Amino acid sequence: MKGDGRKYGFTIESHNGGFGPYFRYDFVAAEEWKEYYFPFDEFGGKYFGRDIGQNFNQPELVRRIGIILSDKKPGKFALELDWIAFE
């Protein structure tokens, strides 16, 4: 991944649409190509942006993934992905 030095969140969901909790891991995107590792058990649970006090512990249930800009600052952003893998 290569970015712009801004803060992002990698999100995972275990439900198929609708309203349910999601889990997020925040990171700062380096301005040079870098390989990242996000441990599932460090994804914090959220529901409508509020902490739910649990971490993700069932990677076999991942249904959707996403990336959000999470520094709450308006403006341009840049993030490039080469590949994503789950282990």
C-alpha atoms as a PDB file:
ATOM      1  CA  MET A   1       0.000   0.000   0.000  1.00  0.00           C
ATOM      2  CA  LYS A   2       1.114   3.551  -0.647  1.00  0.00           C
ATOM      3  CA  GLY A   3      -0.633   6.608   0.671  1.00  0.00           C
ATOM      4  CA  ASP A   4      -0.436  10.220   1.634  1.00  0.00           C
ATOM      5  CA  GLY A   5       0.412  10.156   5.345  1.00  0.00           C
ATOM      6  CA  ARG A   6      -3.238  10.462   6.391  1.00  0.00           C
ATOM      7  CA  LYS A   7      -5.121   8.241   8.844  1.00  0.00           C
ATOM      8  CA  TYR A   8      -7.371   5.521   7.413  1.00  0.00           C
ATOM      9  CA  GLY A   9      -9.449   2.708   8.815  1.00  0.00           C
ATOM     10  CA  PHE A  10      -9.631  -0.800   7.372  1.00  0.00           C
ATOM     11  CA  THR A  11     -13.081  -2.181   8.125  1.00  0.00           C
ATOM     12  CA  ILE A  12     -14.533  -5.673   8.168  1.00  0.00           C
ATOM     13  CA  GLU A  13     -18.130  -6.800   8.574  1.00  0.00           C
ATOM     14  CA  SER A  14     -19.510 -10.215   9.382  1.00  0.00           C
ATOM     15  CA  HIS A  15     -23.116  -9.515   8.314  1.00  0.00           C
ATOM     16  CA  ASN A  16     -24.594  -9.299   4.830  1.00  0.00           C
ATOM     17  CA  GLY A  17     -25.803  -5.718   4.647  1.00  0.00           C
ATOM     18  CA  GLY A  18     -28.267  -3.910   6.856  1.00  0.00           C
ATOM     19  CA  PHE A  19     -27.306  -2.354  10.141  1.00  0.00           C
ATOM     20  CA  GLY A  20     -24.908  -4.258  12.314  1.00  0.00           C
ATOM     21  CA  PRO A  21     -21.593  -3.794  14.016  1.00  0.00           C
ATOM     22  CA  TYR A  22     -18.411  -3.417  12.038  1.00  0.00           C
ATOM     23  CA  PHE A  23     -14.807  -3.717  13.131  1.00  0.00           C
ATOM     24  CA  ARG A  24     -12.073  -1.208  12.313  1.00  0.00           C
ATOM     25  CA  TYR A  25      -8.288  -1.082  12.452  1.00  0.00           C
ATOM     26  CA  ASP A  26      -6.832   2.433  12.114  1.00  0.00           C
ATOM     27  CA  PHE A  27      -3.491   3.074  10.421  1.00  0.00           C
ATOM     28  CA  VAL A  28      -1.483   5.887   8.845  1.00  0.00           C
ATOM     29  CA  ALA A  29      -0.748   5.304   5.162  1.00  0.00           C
ATOM     30  CA  ALA A  30       2.980   5.686   4.485  1.00  0.00           C
ATOM     31  CA  GLU A  31       4.020   7.806   1.519  1.00  0.00           C
ATOM     32  CA  GLU A  32       6.156   4.991   0.104  1.00  0.00           C
ATOM     33  CA  TRP A  33       5.167   1.405  -0.764  1.00  0.00           C
ATOM     34  CA  LYS A  34       4.850  -0.616   2.429  1.00  0.00           C
ATOM     35  CA  GLU A  35       3.381  -3.994   3.358  1.00  0.00           C
ATOM     36  CA  TYR A  36       0.927  -3.879   6.278  1.00  0.00           C
ATOM     37  CA  TYR A  37      -0.349  -6.575   8.607  1.00  0.00           C
ATOM     38  CA  PHE A  38      -3.602  -6.020  10.513  1.00  0.00           C
ATOM     39  CA  PRO A  39      -4.271  -8.730  13.163  1.00  0.00           C
ATOM     40  CA  PHE A  40      -7.974  -9.629  13.289  1.00  0.00           C
ATOM     41  CA  ASP A  41      -8.094  -9.555  17.085  1.00  0.00           C
ATOM     42  CA  GLU A  42      -6.973  -5.897  17.071  1.00  0.00           C
ATOM     43  CA  PHE A  43      -9.973  -4.700  15.030  1.00  0.00           C
ATOM     44  CA  GLY A  44     -12.169  -2.723  17.437  1.00  0.00           C
ATOM     45  CA  GLY A  45     -15.917  -3.134  17.277  1.00  0.00           C
ATOM     46  CA  LYS A  46     -18.087  -0.159  16.295  1.00  0.00           C
ATOM     47  CA  TYR A  47     -21.795   0.441  15.882  1.00  0.00           C
ATOM     48  CA  PHE A  48     -22.767   3.722  14.220  1.00  0.00           C
ATOM     49  CA  GLY A  49     -19.254   4.998  15.028  1.00  0.00           C
ATOM     50  CA  ARG A  50     -19.388   4.163  18.742  1.00  0.00           C
ATOM     51  CA  ASP A  51     -17.146   1.606  20.435  1.00  0.00           C
ATOM     52  CA  ILE A  52     -18.957  -1.584  21.414  1.00  0.00           C
ATOM     53  CA  GLY A  53     -16.219  -2.933  23.657  1.00  0.00           C
ATOM     54  CA  GLN A  54     -15.295  -6.048  21.734  1.00  0.00           C
ATOM     55  CA  ASN A  55     -12.723  -7.046  19.148  1.00  0.00           C
ATOM     56  CA  PHE A  56     -13.151  -9.250  16.092  1.00  0.00           C
ATOM     57  CA  ASN A  57     -12.372 -12.897  16.733  1.00  0.00           C
ATOM     58  CA  GLN A  58     -14.008 -14.876  13.918  1.00  0.00           C
ATOM     59  CA  PRO A  59     -12.151 -14.251  10.631  1.00  0.00           C
ATOM     60  CA  GLU A  60     -14.048 -17.087   8.933  1.00  0.00           C
ATOM     61  CA  LEU A  61     -17.173 -14.884   9.127  1.00  0.00           C
ATOM     62  CA  VAL A  62     -15.796 -11.920   7.129  1.00  0.00           C
ATOM     63  CA  ARG A  63     -18.384 -10.916   4.508  1.00  0.00           C
ATOM     64  CA  ARG A  64     -17.342  -7.387   3.518  1.00  0.00           C
ATOM     65  CA  ILE A  65     -14.245  -5.222   3.743  1.00  0.00           C
ATOM     66  CA  GLY A  66     -13.718  -1.505   3.278  1.00  0.00           C
ATOM     67  CA  ILE A  67     -11.290   1.362   3.706  1.00  0.00           C
ATOM     68  CA  ILE A  68     -12.338   4.724   5.091  1.00  0.00           C
ATOM     69  CA  LEU A  69     -10.547   8.005   5.571  1.00  0.00           C
ATOM     70  CA  SER A  70     -10.683   8.447   9.349  1.00  0.00           C
ATOM     71  CA  ASP A  71      -8.777  11.638  10.206  1.00  0.00           C
ATOM     72  CA  LYS A  72     -11.964  13.773  10.001  1.00  0.00           C
ATOM     73  CA  LYS A  73     -10.213  16.366   7.816  1.00  0.00           C
ATOM     74  CA  PRO A  74     -11.692  17.500   4.504  1.00  0.00           C
ATOM     75  CA  GLY A  75      -9.636  17.529   1.350  1.00  0.00           C
ATOM     76  CA  LYS A  76      -7.991  15.377  -1.240  1.00  0.00           C
ATOM     77  CA  PHE A  77      -6.612  11.975  -0.371  1.00  0.00           C
ATOM     78  CA  ALA A  78      -4.598   9.286  -2.136  1.00  0.00           C
ATOM     79  CA  LEU A  79      -4.295   5.599  -1.360  1.00  0.00           C
ATOM     80  CA  GLU A  80      -3.006   2.877  -3.676  1.00  0.00           C
ATOM     81  CA  LEU A  81      -3.396  -0.864  -3.041  1.00  0.00           C
ATOM     82  CA  ASP A  82      -1.434  -3.543  -4.837  1.00  0.00           C
ATOM     83  CA  TRP A  83      -2.987  -6.627  -3.191  1.00  0.00           C
ATOM     84  CA  ILE A  84      -4.954  -7.847  -0.149  1.00  0.00           C
ATOM     85  CA  ALA A  85      -4.660 -11.278   1.444  1.00  0.00           C
ATOM     86  CA  PHE A  86      -6.264 -12.926   4.471  1.00  0.00           C
ATOM     87  CA  GLU A  87      -4.354 -15.457   6.541  1.00  0.00           C
END
